Amino acid sequence: MLVVRPAGPKDFDALMELAILSGRGFTSLPEDEATLRGRLETSKASFDGSIAPLEAWYTLMLEDAALGQVDGVAGVKAGVGLKRPHFSFRVVTLAQSSPTLNMRFDHSALVLVNECSGWSEVGSLFLRPERRKGGAGRLLAQSRYMLIGLDPQRFAEMVLAELRGWFEADGACPFWDNVSSKFFRLPFDEADLMSASTDGQFILDLAPRHPIYVSLLPDSARDAIGMVHREGEAARAMLETEGFRYQGLIDIFDGGPSVACQRDDIRTVRDAVVRTVQIGTDIKASEALISSGRLEAFRAVRAPVAIDTETATLSRDVADVLGVRNGDLIRIKD
């Protein structure tokens, strides 16, 4: 059985391994020891409730309950752009006309914005390649929304997700190479690491202050605007199923799209139900997404569960993995 559980300092080796596997452009999983250790400490403090709610960053691990092997990671930030700006490029239309010539032109342009300050963010979704089928990715992705639904007031009314942008097979990033590198004058990997491991002041110092006309860019850069990495298509599809939609915002480094949804309109948040645990045997029921009802002991699995108007009947094995007993509350999404 696969279980999603809170991450903490003891997960460093597993998280570093996943960071290495994630490859270029996965900004939230840098191959940097200090950054990853800091993230795990923050995760522990977030689940313990020993950090200010808006500063919380919950990191979740997908684990094989029998083997104890970590197969994936995901995260939820309670608030972005609070201590450092959360920059994006907005794709806008600039209209220009000449009455003398009786002509009008609409130009697409990229404008630096900080519109998402205070929003929550779901991200960092990454699985080992051998786990990318059989529902493991869906379990890990939906566990983030079960966490949000457990105590919605800990999170903002708008929830953001950023998708990794396009990289060529040889590792080149057309958007970075033709747009952002002209302002930051750094190798992509160095800028990406600095974005994840510093306060982001260099972005504030060097990012473009004026619109960038898209028509002046090479075809490869134009085509990369809002384009998802080949390994991110499944993540985008799952986000869209939950109600997330493209917002006209792209990442300032790789051009990947941002999608967002009202917190209470996220399908898993909206449709999950709360029931009281009843432990039984020989459960004849279909599988559903189940999460425990306490933040500090959060767990999520997909398992058979028989639901009625007040109770949910689980097997002893499922209850043990979730860490729940008779009478405890759980959340369920079929």
Protein backbone atom coordinates (compact mmCIF):
# COMPACT_ATOMS: atom_id res chain seq x y z
CA MET A 1 0.00 0.00 0.00
CA LEU A 2 1.21 3.50 -0.87
CA VAL A 3 0.80 6.19 1.78
CA VAL A 4 1.38 9.94 1.69
CA ARG A 5 2.81 11.29 4.94
CA PRO A 6 4.51 14.44 6.28
CA ALA A 7 8.19 14.90 5.47
CA GLY A 8 10.79 15.76 8.10
CA PRO A 9 14.56 16.00 8.60
CA LYS A 10 15.02 12.20 8.47
CA ASP A 11 13.93 12.28 4.83
CA PHE A 12 16.96 14.23 3.59
CA ASP A 13 18.64 11.36 1.73
CA ALA A 14 15.41 10.42 -0.05
CA LEU A 15 14.62 14.03 -0.93
CA MET A 16 18.13 14.61 -2.33
CA GLU A 17 17.79 11.49 -4.45
CA LEU A 18 14.48 12.75 -5.85
CA ALA A 19 16.02 16.19 -6.48
CA ILE A 20 18.79 14.59 -8.54
CA LEU A 21 16.27 12.53 -10.51
CA SER A 22 14.03 15.55 -11.19
CA GLY A 23 16.55 17.15 -13.55
CA ARG A 24 16.89 20.69 -14.91
CA GLY A 25 14.27 23.32 -14.31
CA PHE A 26 12.60 21.74 -11.29
CA THR A 27 13.20 24.85 -9.18
CA SER A 28 11.53 23.60 -6.01
CA LEU A 29 13.87 20.58 -5.84
CA PRO A 30 17.39 22.01 -6.17
CA GLU A 31 20.38 19.74 -5.66
CA ASP A 32 21.48 21.87 -2.72
CA GLU A 33 21.94 20.35 0.73
CA ALA A 34 21.29 23.48 2.77
CA THR A 35 18.12 24.32 0.84
CA LEU A 36 16.66 20.81 1.12
CA ARG A 37 17.52 20.47 4.81
CA GLY A 38 15.91 23.84 5.45
CA ARG A 39 12.81 22.78 3.59
CA LEU A 40 12.48 19.62 5.67
CA GLU A 41 12.89 21.57 8.91
CA THR A 42 10.19 23.96 7.72
CA SER A 43 7.94 21.03 6.89
CA LYS A 44 8.32 19.58 10.38
CA ALA A 45 7.57 22.96 11.96
CA SER A 46 4.56 23.40 9.66
CA PHE A 47 2.96 20.10 10.63
CA ASP A 48 3.85 20.64 14.30
CA GLY A 49 2.19 24.04 14.24
CA SER A 50 5.36 25.73 15.53
CA ILE A 51 5.59 28.18 12.63
CA ALA A 52 3.33 31.07 11.66
CA PRO A 53 0.50 29.67 9.50
CA LEU A 54 1.26 31.92 6.51
CA GLU A 55 4.93 30.85 6.56
CA ALA A 56 4.10 27.14 6.51
CA TRP A 57 5.45 24.93 3.72
CA TYR A 58 4.10 21.40 4.00
CA THR A 59 6.21 18.76 2.25
CA LEU A 60 4.64 15.36 1.63
CA MET A 61 6.36 12.05 0.89
CA LEU A 62 4.86 9.17 -1.07
CA GLU A 63 6.05 5.99 0.63
CA ASP A 64 5.62 2.27 0.10
CA ALA A 65 4.13 1.35 3.48
CA ALA A 66 5.58 -2.17 3.38
CA LEU A 67 9.08 -1.37 2.14
CA GLY A 68 9.53 2.08 3.65
CA GLN A 69 10.88 3.39 0.33
CA VAL A 70 10.11 6.99 -0.62
CA ASP A 71 8.86 7.13 -4.21
CA GLY A 72 7.69 10.71 -4.59
CA VAL A 73 7.35 14.18 -3.13
CA ALA A 74 4.85 17.04 -3.26
CA GLY A 75 4.26 20.23 -1.33
CA VAL A 76 1.87 22.97 -0.32
CA LYS A 77 2.99 26.51 0.52
CA ALA A 78 0.52 28.41 2.64
CA GLY A 79 1.57 31.76 1.18
CA VAL A 80 3.92 32.91 -1.57
CA GLY A 81 5.39 36.34 -2.16
CA LEU A 82 5.21 37.38 1.50
CA LYS A 83 8.89 37.68 2.38
CA ARG A 84 10.19 37.90 -1.19
CA PRO A 85 8.38 38.87 -4.39
CA HIS A 86 6.82 36.11 -6.44
CA PHE A 87 7.58 37.34 -9.94
CA SER A 88 5.96 36.17 -13.16
CA PHE A 89 5.64 37.46 -16.68
CA ARG A 90 2.07 38.32 -17.65
CA VAL A 91 1.28 37.85 -21.32
CA VAL A 92 -0.61 41.01 -22.28
CA THR A 93 -1.94 42.57 -25.48
CA LEU A 94 -0.79 46.09 -26.31
CA ALA A 95 -2.95 47.82 -28.90
CA GLN A 96 -1.46 50.48 -31.17
CA SER A 97 -3.29 52.33 -33.92
CA SER A 98 -2.77 55.09 -36.44
CA PRO A 99 -5.88 57.05 -37.54
CA THR A 100 -3.75 58.63 -40.27
CA LEU A 101 -3.05 55.24 -41.83
CA ASN A 102 -6.34 53.73 -40.66
CA MET A 103 -4.40 50.84 -39.19
CA ARG A 104 -4.40 49.02 -35.85
CA PHE A 105 -1.95 46.46 -34.50
CA ASP A 106 -2.21 44.24 -31.42
CA HIS A 107 1.13 43.21 -29.97
CA SER A 108 1.65 40.44 -27.43
CA ALA A 109 4.12 41.46 -24.75
CA LEU A 110 5.61 40.10 -21.54
CA VAL A 111 5.30 42.32 -18.47
CA LEU A 112 6.96 41.58 -15.12
CA VAL A 113 4.33 41.31 -12.35
CA ASN A 114 4.01 40.28 -8.71
CA GLU A 115 0.29 39.45 -8.79
CA CYS A 116 0.25 36.23 -6.75
CA SER A 117 1.48 37.62 -3.45
CA GLY A 118 -0.36 35.94 -0.60
CA TRP A 119 -1.73 33.07 -2.69
CA SER A 120 -1.16 29.47 -1.62
CA GLU A 121 0.78 27.20 -3.94
CA VAL A 122 0.72 23.48 -4.68
CA GLY A 123 3.86 22.17 -6.31
CA SER A 124 7.00 20.06 -6.13
CA LEU A 125 5.10 17.07 -7.52
CA PHE A 126 7.69 14.50 -8.58
CA LEU A 127 7.72 10.70 -8.67
CA ARG A 128 10.35 8.14 -9.51
CA PRO A 129 9.90 7.14 -13.17
CA GLU A 130 8.94 3.58 -12.26
CA ARG A 131 6.05 4.91 -10.10
CA ARG A 132 4.44 7.03 -12.80
CA LYS A 133 1.53 4.72 -13.42
CA GLY A 134 -1.05 2.82 -11.47
CA GLY A 135 -2.50 5.89 -9.74
CA ALA A 136 0.51 6.85 -7.60
CA GLY A 137 0.75 10.32 -9.16
CA ARG A 138 -2.95 10.96 -8.65
CA LEU A 139 -2.74 9.90 -5.00
CA LEU A 140 0.20 12.21 -4.37
CA ALA A 141 -1.38 15.13 -6.21
CA GLN A 142 -4.78 14.80 -4.53
CA SER A 143 -3.23 14.41 -1.09
CA ARG A 144 -2.29 18.10 -1.29
CA TYR A 145 -5.95 19.06 -1.65
CA MET A 146 -6.99 16.74 1.15
CA LEU A 147 -4.45 18.57 3.32
CA ILE A 148 -5.90 21.95 2.31
CA GLY A 149 -9.44 20.71 2.96
CA LEU A 150 -8.47 19.54 6.44
CA ASP A 151 -8.15 23.17 7.63
CA PRO A 152 -8.92 25.56 4.74
CA GLN A 153 -8.40 28.72 6.78
CA ARG A 154 -4.68 27.96 6.94
CA PHE A 155 -4.55 28.59 3.19
CA ALA A 156 -5.35 31.48 0.87
CA GLU A 157 -8.55 31.82 -1.13
CA MET A 158 -6.55 31.43 -4.37
CA VAL A 159 -4.27 28.44 -4.98
CA LEU A 160 -1.51 28.56 -7.58
CA ALA A 161 0.48 25.87 -9.37
CA GLU A 162 3.51 26.46 -11.60
CA LEU A 163 4.39 23.95 -14.30
CA ARG A 164 7.90 23.35 -15.54
CA GLY A 165 8.57 24.98 -18.91
CA TRP A 166 9.91 23.54 -22.13
CA PHE A 167 13.43 22.14 -22.50
CA GLU A 168 14.81 20.62 -25.68
CA ALA A 169 16.09 17.04 -25.74
CA ASP A 170 19.66 18.35 -25.48
CA GLY A 171 18.80 20.29 -22.30
CA ALA A 172 18.56 23.73 -23.89
CA CYS A 173 15.80 26.02 -22.62
CA PRO A 174 14.61 28.23 -25.52
CA PHE A 175 12.89 30.80 -23.32
CA TRP A 176 15.86 31.19 -21.01
CA ASP A 177 18.42 31.25 -23.81
CA ASN A 178 16.59 33.89 -25.85
CA VAL A 179 14.88 36.01 -23.19
CA SER A 180 15.78 35.79 -19.52
CA SER A 181 19.49 35.09 -19.92
CA LYS A 182 19.83 38.50 -21.60
CA PHE A 183 18.96 40.14 -18.27
CA PHE A 184 20.53 37.81 -15.73
CA ARG A 185 23.72 36.88 -17.63
CA LEU A 186 24.05 33.57 -15.75
CA PRO A 187 23.87 29.91 -16.75
CA PHE A 188 20.33 28.60 -16.28
CA ASP A 189 21.32 26.11 -13.57
CA GLU A 190 23.04 28.80 -11.51
CA ALA A 191 20.11 31.21 -11.75
CA ASP A 192 17.66 28.39 -10.98
CA LEU A 193 19.61 27.39 -7.86
CA MET A 194 19.85 31.02 -6.71
CA SER A 195 16.11 31.42 -7.14
CA ALA A 196 15.48 28.44 -4.85
CA SER A 197 18.20 29.04 -2.27
CA THR A 198 18.42 32.84 -1.83
CA ASP A 199 16.01 35.65 -0.97
CA GLY A 200 15.59 36.44 -4.67
CA GLN A 201 17.08 39.92 -4.46
CA PHE A 202 19.00 39.32 -7.68
CA ILE A 203 15.66 38.93 -9.51
CA LEU A 204 14.45 42.23 -8.14
CA ASP A 205 17.74 43.86 -9.15
CA LEU A 206 18.05 42.49 -12.69
CA ALA A 207 14.63 41.54 -14.06
CA PRO A 208 13.35 43.64 -16.99
CA ARG A 209 11.38 46.75 -16.06
CA HIS A 210 9.74 47.30 -19.46
CA PRO A 211 7.49 45.17 -21.70
CA ILE A 212 9.17 42.63 -23.95
CA TYR A 213 7.50 42.45 -27.38
CA VAL A 214 6.92 38.80 -28.26
CA SER A 215 7.14 39.44 -32.00
CA LEU A 216 10.81 40.38 -31.58
CA LEU A 217 11.68 36.96 -30.16
CA PRO A 218 12.93 33.97 -32.15
CA ASP A 219 10.34 31.35 -33.06
CA SER A 220 11.70 28.86 -30.52
CA ALA A 221 11.25 31.34 -27.67
CA ARG A 222 7.76 32.38 -28.81
CA ASP A 223 6.68 28.77 -29.06
CA ALA A 224 7.96 28.08 -25.53
CA ILE A 225 5.77 30.73 -23.90
CA GLY A 226 3.29 28.86 -21.69
CA MET A 227 4.51 25.48 -22.97
CA VAL A 228 4.69 22.59 -20.49
CA HIS A 229 7.69 20.28 -20.20
CA ARG A 230 7.12 16.86 -21.79
CA GLU A 231 7.21 15.29 -18.30
CA GLY A 232 4.67 17.80 -16.98
CA GLU A 233 1.71 17.00 -19.22
CA ALA A 234 0.23 14.48 -16.77
CA ALA A 235 0.56 17.00 -13.92
CA ARG A 236 -1.22 19.65 -15.99
CA ALA A 237 -4.05 17.23 -16.83
CA MET A 238 -4.54 16.39 -13.14
CA LEU A 239 -4.58 20.08 -12.22
CA GLU A 240 -7.17 20.85 -14.89
CA THR A 241 -9.33 17.98 -13.63
CA GLU A 242 -9.31 19.66 -10.22
CA GLY A 243 -10.43 22.98 -11.75
CA PHE A 244 -7.13 24.80 -12.25
CA ARG A 245 -6.89 27.04 -15.32
CA TYR A 246 -4.15 29.00 -17.10
CA GLN A 247 -3.95 32.56 -15.82
CA GLY A 248 -1.88 34.23 -18.54
CA LEU A 249 1.16 34.10 -16.25
CA ILE A 250 4.44 32.35 -17.06
CA ASP A 251 7.67 31.62 -15.22
CA ILE A 252 10.33 34.26 -15.75
CA PHE A 253 13.08 31.67 -16.25
CA ASP A 254 11.69 28.84 -18.39
CA GLY A 255 8.38 30.29 -19.65
CA GLY A 256 6.28 27.51 -18.08
CA PRO A 257 2.61 28.34 -17.39
CA SER A 258 0.97 29.08 -14.05
CA VAL A 259 -2.52 27.76 -13.36
CA ALA A 260 -4.79 28.66 -10.45
CA CYS A 261 -8.13 27.91 -8.84
CA GLN A 262 -10.25 29.27 -6.02
CA ARG A 263 -9.41 27.17 -2.94
CA ASP A 264 -13.01 26.17 -2.25
CA ASP A 265 -13.62 25.29 -5.91
CA ILE A 266 -10.83 22.71 -6.10
CA ARG A 267 -12.75 19.52 -6.79
CA THR A 268 -11.11 17.37 -4.12
CA VAL A 269 -11.45 20.13 -1.49
CA ARG A 270 -15.08 20.74 -2.42
CA ASP A 271 -16.30 17.16 -2.78
CA ALA A 272 -14.53 15.31 0.05
CA VAL A 273 -16.78 14.22 2.92
CA VAL A 274 -16.04 13.70 6.61
CA ARG A 275 -17.03 10.46 8.31
CA THR A 276 -16.36 8.61 11.57
CA VAL A 277 -14.07 5.58 11.40
CA GLN A 278 -15.46 2.14 11.93
CA ILE A 279 -12.99 -0.73 11.64
CA GLY A 280 -14.35 -3.88 10.07
CA THR A 281 -13.38 -6.99 8.16
CA ASP A 282 -13.87 -8.23 4.61
CA ILE A 283 -14.64 -4.75 3.25
CA LYS A 284 -16.72 -5.12 0.07
CA ALA A 285 -16.40 -1.66 -1.39
CA SER A 286 -14.62 0.28 -4.13
CA GLU A 287 -11.44 2.24 -3.49
CA ALA A 288 -11.50 5.90 -2.54
CA LEU A 289 -9.04 8.56 -1.47
CA ILE A 290 -8.90 8.64 2.36
CA SER A 291 -7.01 11.00 4.65
CA SER A 292 -6.72 11.20 8.42
CA GLY A 293 -8.36 14.08 10.21
CA ARG A 294 -5.48 15.71 12.13
CA LEU A 295 -2.84 17.97 10.58
CA GLU A 296 0.05 16.80 12.73
CA ALA A 297 -0.70 13.15 11.92
CA PHE A 298 -1.73 13.61 8.28
CA ARG A 299 -1.82 10.48 6.12
CA ALA A 300 -3.50 9.74 2.80
CA VAL A 301 -4.09 6.45 0.96
CA ARG A 302 -6.32 4.94 -1.70
CA ALA A 303 -8.11 1.92 -0.29
CA PRO A 304 -11.50 0.18 -0.12
CA VAL A 305 -13.93 2.00 2.17
CA ALA A 306 -17.65 1.46 2.79
CA ILE A 307 -19.38 4.80 3.33
CA ASP A 308 -22.77 5.56 4.80
CA THR A 309 -24.33 8.76 6.11
CA GLU A 310 -22.26 8.90 9.30
CA THR A 311 -19.50 6.28 9.24
CA ALA A 312 -16.79 4.90 7.00
CA THR A 313 -15.76 1.29 7.44
CA LEU A 314 -12.07 0.46 6.88
CA SER A 315 -10.00 -2.67 7.25
CA ARG A 316 -7.60 -2.91 10.18
CA ASP A 317 -4.60 -2.69 7.82
CA VAL A 318 -5.83 0.55 6.24
CA ALA A 319 -6.64 2.04 9.65
CA ASP A 320 -3.15 1.20 10.89
CA VAL A 321 -1.48 2.84 7.88
CA LEU A 322 -3.63 5.94 8.40
CA GLY A 323 -2.99 5.90 12.13
CA VAL A 324 -6.69 6.06 13.01
CA ARG A 325 -8.96 4.19 15.43
CA ASN A 326 -12.67 3.62 15.86
CA GLY A 327 -14.40 6.98 16.37
CA ASP A 328 -11.73 9.10 14.67
CA LEU A 329 -12.71 11.45 11.82
CA ILE A 330 -11.41 10.92 8.29
CA ARG A 331 -11.94 12.69 4.95
CA ILE A 332 -12.97 10.71 1.87
CA LYS A 333 -13.09 11.54 -1.83
CA ASP A 334 -14.45 8.83 -4.14
